[in-house]
């Protein structure tokens, strides 16, 4: 067996992220071998096409096996890209929103750990036997910001982690989260995209896919009609303004201290938020893997210090 590996996984409502990969948090089950081996997980006699679409919202990620299966796929992708042995021991580094961290930590850890026993599966035609020896959990957003040390010199900083379903807010004072400021708002990118889809359908009779809308938000709308493009951008602007208003209503003054925007929605804000919006200093971190990178970094630091968590 190879040396123990640290693998960070960010279990998003819309996407699964590792240090090297991001893919939709959805899977389609088959009783028989499907049409392709690409992105196919075989586990306990069933087949799953991974990342083919976003699954229905699952607030309790331990309620079904889906996120465990997605975790196995994420581990396989990382092992292959690292040229690591496929029979190995892993320390899984993951996260939870700060607002539910204490409540959900024990259950989510047990869900991922599975008593630390070896688990065998196939991914894209290759056999894996992985022992998840330990699971370390950290607060989302905060772990990612710790990878950006130059941003933490400010005495107070707002952090807004814009995920698929939630926007996790907190204020850091002297690098420490202020618990009284932590909020988890159901105002993530899924809400934004669903509203865009509904408005375009009502006004133009077009049923746009999520992929089309996301492409337009990135600035490449393909062959969409000009009227549809205009509506997409207008709704995105409205979403950004609503988000900034809600942040202010939560008692976080973006005019008085820097605001760090990160997560899957940060790329949207990058095109639409600047100091001209009345923000003191907006910092856009659009690397969707920052949480996963932060989790891995924190585990390495813990192991170097010989601490546990």
C-alpha atoms as a PDB file:
ATOM      1  CA  UNK A   1       0.000   0.000   0.000  1.00  0.00           C
ATOM      2  CA  UNK A   2       1.228   3.522  -0.816  1.00  0.00           C
ATOM      3  CA  UNK A   3       1.860   6.260   1.706  1.00  0.00           C
ATOM      4  CA  UNK A   4      -1.158   7.961   3.203  1.00  0.00           C
ATOM      5  CA  UNK A   5      -2.640  10.706   1.042  1.00  0.00           C
ATOM      6  CA  UNK A   6      -4.550  13.850   1.999  1.00  0.00           C
ATOM      7  CA  UNK A   7      -7.463  14.549  -0.338  1.00  0.00           C
ATOM      8  CA  UNK A   8      -9.620  17.656   0.051  1.00  0.00           C
ATOM      9  CA  UNK A   9     -13.234  17.484  -1.141  1.00  0.00           C
ATOM     10  CA  UNK A  10     -15.728  20.351  -1.143  1.00  0.00           C
ATOM     11  CA  UNK A  11     -19.244  18.844  -1.150  1.00  0.00           C
ATOM     12  CA  UNK A  12     -21.283  21.571  -2.833  1.00  0.00           C
ATOM     13  CA  UNK A  13     -25.003  21.540  -3.565  1.00  0.00           C
ATOM     14  CA  UNK A  14     -24.282  22.311  -7.221  1.00  0.00           C
ATOM     15  CA  UNK A  15     -20.777  20.895  -7.713  1.00  0.00           C
ATOM     16  CA  UNK A  16     -18.158  18.659  -6.162  1.00  0.00           C
ATOM     17  CA  UNK A  17     -14.715  20.235  -5.991  1.00  0.00           C
ATOM     18  CA  UNK A  18     -11.258  18.846  -5.315  1.00  0.00           C
ATOM     19  CA  UNK A  19      -7.896  20.554  -5.648  1.00  0.00           C
ATOM     20  CA  UNK A  20      -7.772  19.627  -9.339  1.00  0.00           C
ATOM     21  CA  UNK A  21     -11.375  19.019 -10.422  1.00  0.00           C
ATOM     22  CA  UNK A  22     -14.910  20.363 -10.352  1.00  0.00           C
ATOM     23  CA  UNK A  23     -17.939  18.437 -11.596  1.00  0.00           C
ATOM     24  CA  UNK A  24     -21.735  18.670 -11.138  1.00  0.00           C
ATOM     25  CA  UNK A  25     -23.003  17.084  -7.925  1.00  0.00           C
ATOM     26  CA  UNK A  26     -25.320  14.676  -9.686  1.00  0.00           C
ATOM     27  CA  UNK A  27     -25.365  11.048 -10.727  1.00  0.00           C
ATOM     28  CA  UNK A  28     -27.634   8.691 -12.649  1.00  0.00           C
ATOM     29  CA  UNK A  29     -27.937   5.069 -11.487  1.00  0.00           C
ATOM     30  CA  UNK A  30     -28.049   2.008 -13.771  1.00  0.00           C
ATOM     31  CA  UNK A  31     -28.623  -1.644 -12.915  1.00  0.00           C
ATOM     32  CA  UNK A  32     -26.611  -2.673 -15.956  1.00  0.00           C
ATOM     33  CA  UNK A  33     -23.426  -1.365 -17.547  1.00  0.00           C
ATOM     34  CA  UNK A  34     -24.237   2.012 -19.199  1.00  0.00           C
ATOM     35  CA  UNK A  35     -23.400   3.297 -22.655  1.00  0.00           C
ATOM     36  CA  UNK A  36     -19.991   4.676 -21.666  1.00  0.00           C
ATOM     37  CA  UNK A  37     -17.122   4.164 -19.219  1.00  0.00           C
ATOM     38  CA  UNK A  38     -16.407   7.885 -18.929  1.00  0.00           C
ATOM     39  CA  UNK A  39     -17.307   9.191 -15.467  1.00  0.00           C
ATOM     40  CA  UNK A  40     -18.820   5.823 -14.532  1.00  0.00           C
ATOM     41  CA  UNK A  41     -18.576   4.581 -10.944  1.00  0.00           C
ATOM     42  CA  UNK A  42     -19.266   0.906 -10.244  1.00  0.00           C
ATOM     43  CA  UNK A  43     -20.050   0.209  -6.588  1.00  0.00           C
ATOM     44  CA  UNK A  44     -21.734  -2.774  -4.938  1.00  0.00           C
ATOM     45  CA  UNK A  45     -23.074  -4.140  -8.219  1.00  0.00           C
ATOM     46  CA  UNK A  46     -24.592  -0.902  -9.542  1.00  0.00           C
ATOM     47  CA  UNK A  47     -23.352   1.655 -12.039  1.00  0.00           C
ATOM     48  CA  UNK A  48     -23.488   5.431 -11.682  1.00  0.00           C
ATOM     49  CA  UNK A  49     -22.781   8.046 -14.348  1.00  0.00           C
ATOM     50  CA  UNK A  50     -21.218  10.820 -12.292  1.00  0.00           C
ATOM     51  CA  UNK A  51     -21.554  14.543 -12.952  1.00  0.00           C
ATOM     52  CA  UNK A  52     -24.071  14.225 -15.769  1.00  0.00           C
ATOM     53  CA  UNK A  53     -26.430  16.743 -14.154  1.00  0.00           C
ATOM     54  CA  UNK A  54     -27.163  18.526 -10.894  1.00  0.00           C
ATOM     55  CA  UNK A  55     -29.251  16.444  -8.524  1.00  0.00           C
ATOM     56  CA  UNK A  56     -32.302  17.741  -6.711  1.00  0.00           C
ATOM     57  CA  UNK A  57     -31.514  19.852  -3.681  1.00  0.00           C
ATOM     58  CA  UNK A  58     -30.506  17.683  -0.741  1.00  0.00           C
ATOM     59  CA  UNK A  59     -30.078  19.854   2.353  1.00  0.00           C
ATOM     60  CA  UNK A  60     -29.124  16.879   4.529  1.00  0.00           C
ATOM     61  CA  UNK A  61     -26.263  15.396   2.545  1.00  0.00           C
ATOM     62  CA  UNK A  62     -26.267  12.227   4.663  1.00  0.00           C
ATOM     63  CA  UNK A  63     -29.898  11.389   3.838  1.00  0.00           C
ATOM     64  CA  UNK A  64     -28.964   9.287   0.781  1.00  0.00           C
ATOM     65  CA  UNK A  65     -25.810   7.570  -0.506  1.00  0.00           C
ATOM     66  CA  UNK A  66     -25.373  10.155  -3.282  1.00  0.00           C
ATOM     67  CA  UNK A  67     -22.710  12.306  -1.650  1.00  0.00           C
ATOM     68  CA  UNK A  68     -20.766   9.261  -0.510  1.00  0.00           C
ATOM     69  CA  UNK A  69     -20.731   7.946  -4.097  1.00  0.00           C
ATOM     70  CA  UNK A  70     -19.709  11.374  -5.384  1.00  0.00           C
ATOM     71  CA  UNK A  71     -16.903  11.367  -2.814  1.00  0.00           C
ATOM     72  CA  UNK A  72     -15.593   8.049  -4.145  1.00  0.00           C
ATOM     73  CA  UNK A  73     -15.600   9.495  -7.664  1.00  0.00           C
ATOM     74  CA  UNK A  74     -13.765  12.606  -6.466  1.00  0.00           C
ATOM     75  CA  UNK A  75     -11.119  10.491  -4.717  1.00  0.00           C
ATOM     76  CA  UNK A  76     -10.636   8.355  -7.851  1.00  0.00           C
ATOM     77  CA  UNK A  77     -10.148  11.427 -10.024  1.00  0.00           C
ATOM     78  CA  UNK A  78      -7.549  12.845  -7.657  1.00  0.00           C
ATOM     79  CA  UNK A  79      -5.673   9.541  -7.347  1.00  0.00           C
ATOM     80  CA  UNK A  80      -5.475   9.136 -11.115  1.00  0.00           C
ATOM     81  CA  UNK A  81      -4.321  12.711 -11.684  1.00  0.00           C
ATOM     82  CA  UNK A  82      -1.655  12.374  -8.966  1.00  0.00           C
ATOM     83  CA  UNK A  83      -0.445   9.067 -10.475  1.00  0.00           C
ATOM     84  CA  UNK A  84      -1.021   7.550  -7.039  1.00  0.00           C
ATOM     85  CA  UNK A  85      -1.541   3.870  -6.303  1.00  0.00           C
ATOM     86  CA  UNK A  86      -5.165   2.806  -6.542  1.00  0.00           C
ATOM     87  CA  UNK A  87      -4.868   0.737  -3.361  1.00  0.00           C
ATOM     88  CA  UNK A  88      -4.166   3.336  -0.729  1.00  0.00           C
ATOM     89  CA  UNK A  89      -5.001   4.944   2.589  1.00  0.00           C
ATOM     90  CA  UNK A  90      -6.548   8.416   2.578  1.00  0.00           C
ATOM     91  CA  UNK A  91      -7.178  11.210   5.043  1.00  0.00           C
ATOM     92  CA  UNK A  92     -10.285  12.922   3.723  1.00  0.00           C
ATOM     93  CA  UNK A  93     -10.421  16.676   4.339  1.00  0.00           C
ATOM     94  CA  UNK A  94     -13.878  18.233   3.955  1.00  0.00           C
ATOM     95  CA  UNK A  95     -16.064  21.027   5.286  1.00  0.00           C
ATOM     96  CA  UNK A  96     -19.412  22.243   6.531  1.00  0.00           C
ATOM     97  CA  UNK A  97     -20.990  25.694   6.787  1.00  0.00           C
ATOM     98  CA  UNK A  98     -19.896  27.484   9.939  1.00  0.00           C
ATOM     99  CA  UNK A  99     -23.533  27.974  10.989  1.00  0.00           C
ATOM    100  CA  UNK A 100     -24.177  24.203  11.135  1.00  0.00           C
ATOM    101  CA  UNK A 101     -20.656  22.984  11.816  1.00  0.00           C
ATOM    102  CA  UNK A 102     -21.164  21.931  15.431  1.00  0.00           C
ATOM    103  CA  UNK A 103     -24.571  20.373  14.763  1.00  0.00           C
ATOM    104  CA  UNK A 104     -23.649  18.310  11.697  1.00  0.00           C
ATOM    105  CA  UNK A 105     -19.959  17.522  12.218  1.00  0.00           C
ATOM    106  CA  UNK A 106     -20.335  14.159  13.974  1.00  0.00           C
ATOM    107  CA  UNK A 107     -22.971  12.819  11.562  1.00  0.00           C
ATOM    108  CA  UNK A 108     -21.166  13.951   8.403  1.00  0.00           C
ATOM    109  CA  UNK A 109     -17.845  12.540   9.614  1.00  0.00           C
ATOM    110  CA  UNK A 110     -19.400   9.132  10.294  1.00  0.00           C
ATOM    111  CA  UNK A 111     -21.159   9.243   6.898  1.00  0.00           C
ATOM    112  CA  UNK A 112     -17.845   9.700   5.072  1.00  0.00           C
ATOM    113  CA  UNK A 113     -15.645   7.540   7.312  1.00  0.00           C
ATOM    114  CA  UNK A 114     -17.692   4.292   7.255  1.00  0.00           C
ATOM    115  CA  UNK A 115     -15.686   2.940  10.223  1.00  0.00           C
ATOM    116  CA  UNK A 116     -12.419   3.377   8.344  1.00  0.00           C
ATOM    117  CA  UNK A 117     -12.747   0.058   6.508  1.00  0.00           C
ATOM    118  CA  UNK A 118     -11.386  -0.506   2.968  1.00  0.00           C
ATOM    119  CA  UNK A 119     -13.902   0.168   0.213  1.00  0.00           C
ATOM    120  CA  UNK A 120     -13.573  -1.368  -3.254  1.00  0.00           C
ATOM    121  CA  UNK A 121     -15.044   0.180  -6.390  1.00  0.00           C
ATOM    122  CA  UNK A 122     -14.328   0.802 -10.067  1.00  0.00           C
ATOM    123  CA  UNK A 123     -14.114   4.175 -11.741  1.00  0.00           C
ATOM    124  CA  UNK A 124     -13.778   4.593 -15.503  1.00  0.00           C
ATOM    125  CA  UNK A 125     -12.832   0.930 -15.775  1.00  0.00           C
ATOM    126  CA  UNK A 126     -10.074   0.986 -13.126  1.00  0.00           C
ATOM    127  CA  UNK A 127     -10.203  -0.870  -9.818  1.00  0.00           C
ATOM    128  CA  UNK A 128      -9.710   1.020  -6.543  1.00  0.00           C
ATOM    129  CA  UNK A 129      -9.444  -0.124  -2.941  1.00  0.00           C
ATOM    130  CA  UNK A 130      -9.396   2.937  -0.711  1.00  0.00           C
ATOM    131  CA  UNK A 131      -9.240   3.066   3.063  1.00  0.00           C
ATOM    132  CA  UNK A 132     -10.540   6.361   4.408  1.00  0.00           C
ATOM    133  CA  UNK A 133      -8.514   6.238   7.611  1.00  0.00           C
ATOM    134  CA  UNK A 134      -9.720   9.563   8.962  1.00  0.00           C
ATOM    135  CA  UNK A 135     -12.015  12.459   8.115  1.00  0.00           C
ATOM    136  CA  UNK A 136     -11.075  16.006   9.129  1.00  0.00           C
ATOM    137  CA  UNK A 137     -13.806  18.627   8.903  1.00  0.00           C
ATOM    138  CA  UNK A 138     -13.383  22.402   8.753  1.00  0.00           C
ATOM    139  CA  UNK A 139     -15.619  25.456   8.307  1.00  0.00           C
ATOM    140  CA  UNK A 140     -16.289  26.317   4.662  1.00  0.00           C
ATOM    141  CA  UNK A 141     -15.104  29.699   3.481  1.00  0.00           C
ATOM    142  CA  UNK A 142     -12.812  30.227   6.454  1.00  0.00           C
ATOM    143  CA  UNK A 143     -10.565  27.360   5.312  1.00  0.00           C
ATOM    144  CA  UNK A 144     -10.347  28.890   1.835  1.00  0.00           C
ATOM    145  CA  UNK A 145      -9.486  32.366   3.058  1.00  0.00           C
ATOM    146  CA  UNK A 146      -6.609  30.926   5.059  1.00  0.00           C
ATOM    147  CA  UNK A 147      -4.906  30.206   1.711  1.00  0.00           C
ATOM    148  CA  UNK A 148      -4.838  33.976   1.034  1.00  0.00           C
ATOM    149  CA  UNK A 149      -2.668  35.217   3.906  1.00  0.00           C
ATOM    150  CA  UNK A 150      -2.130  38.663   2.381  1.00  0.00           C
ATOM    151  CA  UNK A 151      -5.864  39.358   2.725  1.00  0.00           C
ATOM    152  CA  UNK A 152      -5.835  38.668   6.446  1.00  0.00           C
ATOM    153  CA  UNK A 153      -3.683  41.641   7.453  1.00  0.00           C
ATOM    154  CA  UNK A 154      -6.836  43.748   7.711  1.00  0.00           C
ATOM    155  CA  UNK A 155      -8.286  43.921  11.248  1.00  0.00           C
ATOM    156  CA  UNK A 156     -11.788  43.090   9.948  1.00  0.00           C
ATOM    157  CA  UNK A 157     -12.791  41.357   6.721  1.00  0.00           C
ATOM    158  CA  UNK A 158     -16.154  40.188   5.359  1.00  0.00           C
ATOM    159  CA  UNK A 159     -16.201  36.735   3.746  1.00  0.00           C
ATOM    160  CA  UNK A 160     -19.041  35.742   1.399  1.00  0.00           C
ATOM    161  CA  UNK A 161     -18.822  32.164   0.100  1.00  0.00           C
ATOM    162  CA  UNK A 162     -21.333  32.010  -2.767  1.00  0.00           C
ATOM    163  CA  UNK A 163     -22.215  28.375  -3.329  1.00  0.00           C
ATOM    164  CA  UNK A 164     -24.889  26.567  -5.266  1.00  0.00           C
ATOM    165  CA  UNK A 165     -27.706  26.894  -2.757  1.00  0.00           C
ATOM    166  CA  UNK A 166     -26.333  28.987   0.091  1.00  0.00           C
ATOM    167  CA  UNK A 167     -24.268  32.107   0.620  1.00  0.00           C
ATOM    168  CA  UNK A 168     -22.235  31.670   3.798  1.00  0.00           C
ATOM    169  CA  UNK A 169     -21.355  34.979   5.435  1.00  0.00           C
ATOM    170  CA  UNK A 170     -18.963  35.764   8.248  1.00  0.00           C
ATOM    171  CA  UNK A 171     -16.741  38.536   9.523  1.00  0.00           C
ATOM    172  CA  UNK A 172     -13.169  37.828  10.501  1.00  0.00           C
ATOM    173  CA  UNK A 173     -11.736  39.984  13.269  1.00  0.00           C
ATOM    174  CA  UNK A 174      -7.969  39.639  13.543  1.00  0.00           C
ATOM    175  CA  UNK A 175      -8.232  36.430  11.469  1.00  0.00           C
ATOM    176  CA  UNK A 176     -10.801  34.828  13.804  1.00  0.00           C
ATOM    177  CA  UNK A 177     -14.441  34.280  12.736  1.00  0.00           C
ATOM    178  CA  UNK A 178     -16.887  36.387  14.732  1.00  0.00           C
ATOM    179  CA  UNK A 179     -19.567  33.822  15.571  1.00  0.00           C
ATOM    180  CA  UNK A 180     -22.279  36.457  15.994  1.00  0.00           C
ATOM    181  CA  UNK A 181     -21.896  37.509  12.353  1.00  0.00           C
ATOM    182  CA  UNK A 182     -22.158  34.059  10.755  1.00  0.00           C
ATOM    183  CA  UNK A 183     -25.133  33.564   8.449  1.00  0.00           C
ATOM    184  CA  UNK A 184     -26.086  30.914   5.898  1.00  0.00           C
ATOM    185  CA  UNK A 185     -28.515  32.415   3.373  1.00  0.00           C
ATOM    186  CA  UNK A 186     -30.492  30.458   0.781  1.00  0.00           C
ATOM    187  CA  UNK A 187     -29.413  32.844  -1.950  1.00  0.00           C
ATOM    188  CA  UNK A 188     -26.852  30.851  -3.936  1.00  0.00           C
ATOM    189  CA  UNK A 189     -26.320  30.522  -7.670  1.00  0.00           C
ATOM    190  CA  UNK A 190     -29.044  27.910  -8.104  1.00  0.00           C
ATOM    191  CA  UNK A 191     -31.572  30.535  -7.054  1.00  0.00           C
ATOM    192  CA  UNK A 192     -30.067  33.033  -9.503  1.00  0.00           C
ATOM    193  CA  UNK A 193     -30.077  30.597 -12.429  1.00  0.00           C
ATOM    194  CA  UNK A 194     -33.598  29.330 -11.685  1.00  0.00           C
ATOM    195  CA  UNK A 195     -34.911  32.912 -11.619  1.00  0.00           C
ATOM    196  CA  UNK A 196     -33.192  33.708 -14.923  1.00  0.00           C
ATOM    197  CA  UNK A 197     -34.666  30.558 -16.482  1.00  0.00           C
ATOM    198  CA  UNK A 198     -38.176  31.432 -15.292  1.00  0.00           C
ATOM    199  CA  UNK A 199     -38.030  35.045 -16.467  1.00  0.00           C
ATOM    200  CA  UNK A 200     -36.745  34.072 -19.928  1.00  0.00           C
ATOM    201  CA  UNK A 201     -39.421  31.383 -20.236  1.00  0.00           C
ATOM    202  CA  UNK A 202     -42.181  33.818 -19.285  1.00  0.00           C
ATOM    203  CA  UNK A 203     -41.008  36.628 -21.549  1.00  0.00           C
ATOM    204  CA  UNK A 204     -39.663  34.757 -24.571  1.00  0.00           C
ATOM    205  CA  UNK A 205     -41.082  31.246 -24.328  1.00  0.00           C
ATOM    206  CA  UNK A 206     -37.576  29.777 -24.344  1.00  0.00           C
ATOM    207  CA  UNK A 207     -36.530  26.938 -22.027  1.00  0.00           C
ATOM    208  CA  UNK A 208     -32.833  27.547 -21.511  1.00  0.00           C
ATOM    209  CA  UNK A 209     -30.556  24.936 -19.978  1.00  0.00           C
ATOM    210  CA  UNK A 210     -28.366  25.658 -16.974  1.00  0.00           C
ATOM    211  CA  UNK A 211     -25.327  25.195 -19.219  1.00  0.00           C
ATOM    212  CA  UNK A 212     -26.575  27.910 -21.597  1.00  0.00           C
ATOM    213  CA  UNK A 213     -27.210  30.363 -18.755  1.00  0.00           C
ATOM    214  CA  UNK A 214     -23.846  29.700 -17.106  1.00  0.00           C
ATOM    215  CA  UNK A 215     -22.130  30.165 -20.465  1.00  0.00           C
ATOM    216  CA  UNK A 216     -23.864  33.526 -20.947  1.00  0.00           C
ATOM    217  CA  UNK A 217     -22.935  34.648 -17.432  1.00  0.00           C
ATOM    218  CA  UNK A 218     -19.289  33.933 -18.249  1.00  0.00           C
ATOM    219  CA  UNK A 219     -19.592  36.210 -21.288  1.00  0.00           C
ATOM    220  CA  UNK A 220     -19.958  33.610 -24.038  1.00  0.00           C
ATOM    221  CA  UNK A 221     -23.626  33.192 -24.923  1.00  0.00           C
ATOM    222  CA  UNK A 222     -23.111  31.140 -28.101  1.00  0.00           C
ATOM    223  CA  UNK A 223     -26.064  31.404 -30.475  1.00  0.00           C
ATOM    224  CA  UNK A 224     -28.612  32.722 -27.981  1.00  0.00           C
ATOM    225  CA  UNK A 225     -30.895  35.497 -29.256  1.00  0.00           C
ATOM    226  CA  UNK A 226     -29.792  38.985 -28.262  1.00  0.00           C
ATOM    227  CA  UNK A 227     -33.004  39.506 -26.291  1.00  0.00           C
ATOM    228  CA  UNK A 228     -32.297  36.397 -24.189  1.00  0.00           C
ATOM    229  CA  UNK A 229     -28.722  37.519 -23.532  1.00  0.00           C
ATOM    230  CA  UNK A 230     -29.985  40.899 -22.394  1.00  0.00           C
ATOM    231  CA  UNK A 231     -32.463  39.336 -19.971  1.00  0.00           C
ATOM    232  CA  UNK A 232     -29.802  37.005 -18.531  1.00  0.00           C
ATOM    233  CA  UNK A 233     -27.457  39.887 -17.780  1.00  0.00           C
ATOM    234  CA  UNK A 234     -30.240  42.095 -16.404  1.00  0.00           C
ATOM    235  CA  UNK A 235     -31.358  39.354 -13.996  1.00  0.00           C
ATOM    236  CA  UNK A 236     -27.750  38.716 -12.971  1.00  0.00           C
ATOM    237  CA  UNK A 237     -27.311  42.411 -12.155  1.00  0.00           C
ATOM    238  CA  UNK A 238     -30.496  42.296 -10.059  1.00  0.00           C
ATOM    239  CA  UNK A 239     -29.202  39.223  -8.205  1.00  0.00           C
ATOM    240  CA  UNK A 240     -25.911  40.938  -7.381  1.00  0.00           C
ATOM    241  CA  UNK A 241     -27.673  44.031  -6.063  1.00  0.00           C
ATOM    242  CA  UNK A 242     -30.018  41.882  -3.960  1.00  0.00           C
ATOM    243  CA  UNK A 243     -27.031  39.991  -2.566  1.00  0.00           C
ATOM    244  CA  UNK A 244     -25.201  43.175  -1.593  1.00  0.00           C
ATOM    245  CA  UNK A 245     -28.362  44.487   0.056  1.00  0.00           C
ATOM    246  CA  UNK A 246     -28.832  41.293   2.069  1.00  0.00           C
ATOM    247  CA  UNK A 247     -25.203  41.397   3.226  1.00  0.00           C
ATOM    248  CA  UNK A 248     -25.794  44.931   4.500  1.00  0.00           C
ATOM    249  CA  UNK A 249     -29.037  43.874   6.204  1.00  0.00           C
ATOM    250  CA  UNK A 250     -27.039  41.212   8.058  1.00  0.00           C
ATOM    251  CA  UNK A 251     -25.031  43.992   9.689  1.00  0.00           C
ATOM    252  CA  UNK A 252     -21.920  43.607   7.549  1.00  0.00           C
ATOM    253  CA  UNK A 253     -20.867  46.998   6.189  1.00  0.00           C
ATOM    254  CA  UNK A 254     -19.119  46.500   2.850  1.00  0.00           C
ATOM    255  CA  UNK A 255     -18.335  50.243   2.767  1.00  0.00           C
ATOM    256  CA  UNK A 256     -16.284  50.041   5.947  1.00  0.00           C
ATOM    257  CA  UNK A 257     -14.158  46.916   5.418  1.00  0.00           C
ATOM    258  CA  UNK A 258     -12.905  44.704   2.587  1.00  0.00           C
ATOM    259  CA  UNK A 259     -15.277  42.033   1.304  1.00  0.00           C
ATOM    260  CA  UNK A 260     -13.934  38.739  -0.012  1.00  0.00           C
ATOM    261  CA  UNK A 261     -16.278  37.025  -2.481  1.00  0.00           C
ATOM    262  CA  UNK A 262     -15.507  33.397  -3.258  1.00  0.00           C
ATOM    263  CA  UNK A 263     -17.146  30.143  -4.328  1.00  0.00           C
ATOM    264  CA  UNK A 264     -18.892  29.201  -7.557  1.00  0.00           C
ATOM    265  CA  UNK A 265     -20.711  32.543  -7.744  1.00  0.00           C
ATOM    266  CA  UNK A 266     -17.587  34.667  -7.436  1.00  0.00           C
ATOM    267  CA  UNK A 267     -16.951  34.604 -11.184  1.00  0.00           C
ATOM    268  CA  UNK A 268     -20.370  36.193 -11.726  1.00  0.00           C
ATOM    269  CA  UNK A 269     -19.532  39.028  -9.345  1.00  0.00           C
ATOM    270  CA  UNK A 270     -16.140  39.567 -10.954  1.00  0.00           C
ATOM    271  CA  UNK A 271     -17.837  41.113 -13.971  1.00  0.00           C
ATOM    272  CA  UNK A 272     -20.354  43.116 -11.947  1.00  0.00           C
ATOM    273  CA  UNK A 273     -18.828  44.275  -8.655  1.00  0.00           C
ATOM    274  CA  UNK A 274     -16.208  46.948  -8.087  1.00  0.00           C
ATOM    275  CA  UNK A 275     -15.446  49.769  -5.693  1.00  0.00           C
ATOM    276  CA  UNK A 276     -17.893  51.800  -7.794  1.00  0.00           C
ATOM    277  CA  UNK A 277     -20.715  49.819  -6.163  1.00  0.00           C
ATOM    278  CA  UNK A 278     -19.877  51.557  -2.910  1.00  0.00           C
ATOM    279  CA  UNK A 279     -17.731  48.704  -1.618  1.00  0.00           C
ATOM    280  CA  UNK A 280     -14.612  49.541   0.356  1.00  0.00           C
ATOM    281  CA  UNK A 281     -12.428  46.915  -1.301  1.00  0.00           C
ATOM    282  CA  UNK A 282     -14.011  43.983  -3.138  1.00  0.00           C
ATOM    283  CA  UNK A 283     -11.709  40.968  -3.525  1.00  0.00           C
ATOM    284  CA  UNK A 284     -12.931  38.285  -5.942  1.00  0.00           C
ATOM    285  CA  UNK A 285     -11.509  34.779  -5.497  1.00  0.00           C
ATOM    286  CA  UNK A 286     -12.973  32.804  -8.396  1.00  0.00           C
ATOM    287  CA  UNK A 287     -10.928  29.631  -7.928  1.00  0.00           C
ATOM    288  CA  UNK A 288     -13.723  27.118  -7.166  1.00  0.00           C
ATOM    289  CA  UNK A 289     -11.196  24.747  -5.579  1.00  0.00           C
ATOM    290  CA  UNK A 290     -10.121  27.126  -2.801  1.00  0.00           C
ATOM    291  CA  UNK A 291     -12.071  25.326  -0.076  1.00  0.00           C
ATOM    292  CA  UNK A 292     -10.578  21.956  -1.039  1.00  0.00           C
ATOM    293  CA  UNK A 293      -7.102  23.498  -1.120  1.00  0.00           C
ATOM    294  CA  UNK A 294      -7.707  25.065   2.276  1.00  0.00           C
ATOM    295  CA  UNK A 295      -8.852  21.767   3.781  1.00  0.00           C
ATOM    296  CA  UNK A 296      -5.717  19.969   2.562  1.00  0.00           C
ATOM    297  CA  UNK A 297      -3.466  22.738   3.817  1.00  0.00           C
ATOM    298  CA  UNK A 298      -5.042  22.681   7.281  1.00  0.00           C
ATOM    299  CA  UNK A 299      -4.637  18.901   7.573  1.00  0.00           C
ATOM    300  CA  UNK A 300      -0.962  19.124   6.601  1.00  0.00           C
ATOM    301  CA  UNK A 301      -0.455  21.801   9.238  1.00  0.00           C
ATOM    302  CA  UNK A 302      -2.200  19.645  11.846  1.00  0.00           C
ATOM    303  CA  UNK A 303      -0.015  16.644  11.013  1.00  0.00           C
ATOM    304  CA  UNK A 304       3.141  18.737  11.136  1.00  0.00           C
ATOM    305  CA  UNK A 305       2.187  20.008  14.600  1.00  0.00           C
ATOM    306  CA  UNK A 306       1.036  16.576  15.717  1.00  0.00           C
ATOM    307  CA  UNK A 307      -2.442  17.868  16.576  1.00  0.00           C
ATOM    308  CA  UNK A 308      -5.824  16.206  16.079  1.00  0.00           C
ATOM    309  CA  UNK A 309      -9.241  17.472  15.014  1.00  0.00           C
END
